[in-house]
Amino acid sequence: MRKRNILSLAGAAGVATLSYMLKDKSRRDNVKNKFNNIKKSFKKQDTGLPIEEAGDPGKDNIENADMVAEGSQFGVNYYNKVKK
């Protein structure tokens, strides 16, 4: 019974704090900007994958060239899909 009361009290305090923060236009804009910045930080632009290496496996990486020679087309297909 106490856990339910504590959770209800915490939820009510959170709602009250949020409504107080969003009451003023400048605070509301500040919260929106912070939320958008957090969202952008989770989206990575650069995957760090060697895309160019996957498109031409015979250039530098002998192991990739051997895999393609054996029939593996994953790297080449991935390169073609990303470059489209």
N, C-alpha and C. Protein backbone atom coordinates (compact mmCIF):
# COMPACT_ATOMS: atom_id res chain seq x y z
N MET A 1 0.82 -1.19 0.00
CA MET A 1 0.00 0.00 0.00
C MET A 1 0.86 1.26 0.00
N ARG A 2 1.96 1.24 0.73
CA ARG A 2 2.82 2.42 0.81
C ARG A 2 3.51 2.69 -0.53
N LYS A 3 3.89 1.62 -1.25
CA LYS A 3 4.57 1.81 -2.52
C LYS A 3 3.67 2.55 -3.50
N ARG A 4 2.41 2.21 -3.51
CA ARG A 4 1.46 2.86 -4.42
C ARG A 4 1.33 4.34 -4.06
N ASN A 5 1.29 4.65 -2.78
CA ASN A 5 1.19 6.04 -2.37
C ASN A 5 2.45 6.83 -2.73
N ILE A 6 3.60 6.21 -2.57
CA ILE A 6 4.85 6.88 -2.90
C ILE A 6 4.94 7.13 -4.40
N LEU A 7 4.56 6.14 -5.19
CA LEU A 7 4.59 6.31 -6.64
C LEU A 7 3.60 7.37 -7.09
N SER A 8 2.44 7.39 -6.49
CA SER A 8 1.45 8.42 -6.84
C SER A 8 1.96 9.81 -6.48
N LEU A 9 2.56 9.93 -5.32
CA LEU A 9 3.11 11.21 -4.89
C LEU A 9 4.24 11.68 -5.81
N ALA A 10 5.11 10.74 -6.21
CA ALA A 10 6.21 11.07 -7.11
C ALA A 10 5.67 11.48 -8.48
N GLY A 11 4.65 10.79 -8.97
CA GLY A 11 4.04 11.14 -10.24
C GLY A 11 3.39 12.52 -10.20
N ALA A 12 2.69 12.79 -9.13
CA ALA A 12 2.04 14.10 -8.98
C ALA A 12 3.08 15.21 -8.89
N ALA A 13 4.17 14.96 -8.20
CA ALA A 13 5.23 15.97 -8.10
C ALA A 13 5.87 16.19 -9.47
N GLY A 14 6.04 15.13 -10.24
CA GLY A 14 6.61 15.26 -11.58
C GLY A 14 5.70 16.06 -12.50
N VAL A 15 4.41 15.79 -12.44
CA VAL A 15 3.44 16.53 -13.26
C VAL A 15 3.41 18.00 -12.85
N ALA A 16 3.44 18.26 -11.56
CA ALA A 16 3.43 19.65 -11.09
C ALA A 16 4.69 20.39 -11.54
N THR A 17 5.83 19.75 -11.44
CA THR A 17 7.08 20.37 -11.87
C THR A 17 7.07 20.64 -13.37
N LEU A 18 6.61 19.66 -14.14
CA LEU A 18 6.56 19.81 -15.58
C LEU A 18 5.60 20.92 -16.00
N SER A 19 4.44 20.98 -15.35
CA SER A 19 3.48 22.04 -15.71
C SER A 19 4.01 23.41 -15.33
N TYR A 20 4.75 23.51 -14.23
CA TYR A 20 5.36 24.78 -13.85
C TYR A 20 6.43 25.20 -14.86
N MET A 21 7.23 24.23 -15.32
CA MET A 21 8.27 24.53 -16.27
C MET A 21 7.71 24.95 -17.62
N LEU A 22 6.61 24.36 -18.04
CA LEU A 22 6.05 24.64 -19.36
C LEU A 22 5.07 25.80 -19.36
N LYS A 23 4.84 26.42 -18.22
CA LYS A 23 3.89 27.52 -18.13
C LYS A 23 4.39 28.75 -18.86
N ASP A 24 5.66 29.05 -18.73
CA ASP A 24 6.25 30.24 -19.34
C ASP A 24 6.78 29.89 -20.73
N LYS A 25 6.62 30.79 -21.72
CA LYS A 25 7.02 30.55 -23.11
C LYS A 25 8.53 30.35 -23.22
N SER A 26 9.32 31.14 -22.53
CA SER A 26 10.78 31.01 -22.63
C SER A 26 11.26 29.69 -22.04
N ARG A 27 10.66 29.27 -20.93
CA ARG A 27 11.03 27.98 -20.34
C ARG A 27 10.61 26.83 -21.25
N ARG A 28 9.43 26.97 -21.86
CA ARG A 28 8.94 25.93 -22.76
C ARG A 28 9.90 25.78 -23.95
N ASP A 29 10.35 26.91 -24.52
CA ASP A 29 11.31 26.86 -25.62
C ASP A 29 12.63 26.26 -25.19
N ASN A 30 13.05 26.58 -23.97
CA ASN A 30 14.29 26.03 -23.44
C ASN A 30 14.20 24.51 -23.31
N VAL A 31 13.08 24.02 -22.81
CA VAL A 31 12.89 22.57 -22.66
C VAL A 31 12.85 21.90 -24.04
N LYS A 32 12.20 22.53 -25.00
CA LYS A 32 12.15 21.98 -26.35
C LYS A 32 13.54 21.89 -26.96
N ASN A 33 14.34 22.95 -26.78
CA ASN A 33 15.69 22.95 -27.33
C ASN A 33 16.56 21.88 -26.69
N LYS A 34 16.45 21.72 -25.38
CA LYS A 34 17.22 20.68 -24.71
C LYS A 34 16.81 19.29 -25.18
N PHE A 35 15.51 19.09 -25.34
CA PHE A 35 15.01 17.79 -25.81
C PHE A 35 15.51 17.51 -27.22
N ASN A 36 15.48 18.51 -28.10
CA ASN A 36 15.96 18.33 -29.46
C ASN A 36 17.46 18.06 -29.50
N ASN A 37 18.22 18.72 -28.63
CA ASN A 37 19.66 18.46 -28.57
C ASN A 37 19.95 17.04 -28.11
N ILE A 38 19.20 16.57 -27.15
CA ILE A 38 19.38 15.19 -26.68
C ILE A 38 19.02 14.21 -27.79
N LYS A 39 17.95 14.50 -28.52
CA LYS A 39 17.54 13.64 -29.62
C LYS A 39 18.61 13.59 -30.71
N LYS A 40 19.20 14.74 -31.02
CA LYS A 40 20.25 14.79 -32.04
C LYS A 40 21.50 14.06 -31.60
N SER A 41 21.79 14.06 -30.31
CA SER A 41 23.00 13.39 -29.84
C SER A 41 22.89 11.88 -29.99
N PHE A 42 21.68 11.34 -29.99
CA PHE A 42 21.51 9.91 -30.16
C PHE A 42 21.58 9.49 -31.62
N LYS A 43 21.30 10.42 -32.53
CA LYS A 43 21.37 10.12 -33.95
C LYS A 43 22.79 10.37 -34.42
N LYS A 44 23.43 9.33 -34.87
CA LYS A 44 24.80 9.48 -35.36
C LYS A 44 24.76 9.64 -36.88
N GLN A 45 25.47 10.62 -37.36
CA GLN A 45 25.55 10.85 -38.80
C GLN A 45 26.58 9.94 -39.46
N ASP A 46 27.72 9.78 -38.82
CA ASP A 46 28.78 8.97 -39.37
C ASP A 46 28.78 7.61 -38.70
N THR A 47 28.61 6.57 -39.49
CA THR A 47 28.57 5.23 -38.91
C THR A 47 29.96 4.67 -38.68
N GLY A 48 30.96 5.26 -39.33
CA GLY A 48 32.32 4.79 -39.15
C GLY A 48 32.62 3.52 -39.92
N LEU A 49 31.72 3.10 -40.80
CA LEU A 49 31.95 1.90 -41.58
C LEU A 49 32.77 2.25 -42.83
N PRO A 50 33.68 1.38 -43.22
CA PRO A 50 34.48 1.64 -44.41
C PRO A 50 33.69 1.31 -45.68
N ILE A 51 32.80 2.21 -46.08
CA ILE A 51 31.92 1.98 -47.22
C ILE A 51 32.72 1.82 -48.51
N GLU A 52 33.70 2.68 -48.71
CA GLU A 52 34.48 2.61 -49.95
C GLU A 52 35.22 1.28 -50.06
N GLU A 53 35.67 0.77 -48.93
CA GLU A 53 36.37 -0.50 -48.93
C GLU A 53 35.43 -1.65 -49.30
N ALA A 54 34.17 -1.54 -48.91
CA ALA A 54 33.20 -2.59 -49.23
C ALA A 54 32.86 -2.59 -50.71
N GLY A 55 32.90 -1.42 -51.35
CA GLY A 55 32.54 -1.34 -52.76
C GLY A 55 33.60 -1.89 -53.69
N ASP A 56 34.84 -1.85 -53.29
CA ASP A 56 35.93 -2.36 -54.11
C ASP A 56 36.83 -3.23 -53.25
N PRO A 57 36.48 -4.50 -53.09
CA PRO A 57 37.19 -5.34 -52.15
C PRO A 57 38.61 -5.70 -52.56
N GLY A 58 38.98 -5.50 -53.82
CA GLY A 58 40.30 -5.91 -54.26
C GLY A 58 41.37 -4.87 -54.06
N LYS A 59 41.01 -3.67 -53.65
CA LYS A 59 42.00 -2.60 -53.52
C LYS A 59 43.05 -2.89 -52.47
N ASP A 60 42.63 -2.84 -51.23
CA ASP A 60 43.59 -2.93 -50.13
C ASP A 60 43.46 -4.19 -49.29
N ASN A 61 42.26 -4.73 -49.24
CA ASN A 61 42.01 -5.82 -48.32
C ASN A 61 41.94 -7.14 -49.08
N ILE A 62 42.96 -7.92 -48.96
CA ILE A 62 43.05 -9.20 -49.66
C ILE A 62 42.00 -10.18 -49.14
N GLU A 63 41.70 -10.12 -47.84
CA GLU A 63 40.72 -11.03 -47.26
C GLU A 63 39.33 -10.79 -47.86
N ASN A 64 38.96 -9.52 -48.06
CA ASN A 64 37.67 -9.22 -48.69
C ASN A 64 37.65 -9.71 -50.13
N ALA A 65 38.75 -9.53 -50.84
CA ALA A 65 38.81 -9.99 -52.22
C ALA A 65 38.66 -11.50 -52.29
N ASP A 66 39.26 -12.21 -51.35
CA ASP A 66 39.13 -13.67 -51.32
C ASP A 66 37.69 -14.08 -51.04
N MET A 67 37.01 -13.37 -50.12
CA MET A 67 35.62 -13.70 -49.82
C MET A 67 34.73 -13.45 -51.02
N VAL A 68 34.96 -12.36 -51.75
CA VAL A 68 34.16 -12.08 -52.94
C VAL A 68 34.45 -13.11 -54.01
N ALA A 69 35.69 -13.53 -54.12
CA ALA A 69 36.04 -14.56 -55.09
C ALA A 69 35.36 -15.88 -54.75
N GLU A 70 35.12 -16.12 -53.48
CA GLU A 70 34.43 -17.35 -53.08
C GLU A 70 32.92 -17.24 -53.23
N GLY A 71 32.41 -16.05 -53.52
CA GLY A 71 30.98 -15.91 -53.76
C GLY A 71 30.27 -14.98 -52.80
N SER A 72 30.95 -14.41 -51.83
CA SER A 72 30.33 -13.50 -50.88
C SER A 72 30.13 -12.14 -51.53
N GLN A 73 28.90 -11.70 -51.63
CA GLN A 73 28.58 -10.42 -52.26
C GLN A 73 28.00 -9.42 -51.27
N PHE A 74 28.05 -9.71 -49.99
CA PHE A 74 27.42 -8.84 -48.99
C PHE A 74 28.00 -7.44 -49.02
N GLY A 75 29.32 -7.33 -49.01
CA GLY A 75 29.96 -6.02 -48.99
C GLY A 75 29.65 -5.21 -50.24
N VAL A 76 29.66 -5.84 -51.40
CA VAL A 76 29.38 -5.15 -52.65
C VAL A 76 27.92 -4.72 -52.70
N ASN A 77 27.02 -5.59 -52.28
CA ASN A 77 25.60 -5.24 -52.28
C ASN A 77 25.30 -4.12 -51.30
N TYR A 78 25.94 -4.15 -50.15
CA TYR A 78 25.75 -3.09 -49.15
C TYR A 78 26.25 -1.76 -49.69
N TYR A 79 27.39 -1.76 -50.33
CA TYR A 79 27.94 -0.54 -50.93
C TYR A 79 26.98 0.02 -51.98
N ASN A 80 26.47 -0.83 -52.82
CA ASN A 80 25.54 -0.37 -53.87
C ASN A 80 24.26 0.20 -53.28
N LYS A 81 23.76 -0.41 -52.20
CA LYS A 81 22.54 0.07 -51.56
C LYS A 81 22.76 1.42 -50.90
N VAL A 82 23.89 1.62 -50.24
CA VAL A 82 24.18 2.88 -49.54
C VAL A 82 24.43 4.01 -50.54
N LYS A 83 25.09 3.73 -51.64
CA LYS A 83 25.44 4.76 -52.61
C LYS A 83 24.25 5.20 -53.46
N LYS A 84 23.15 4.47 -53.48
CA LYS A 84 21.98 4.86 -54.28
C LYS A 84 21.26 6.00 -53.70
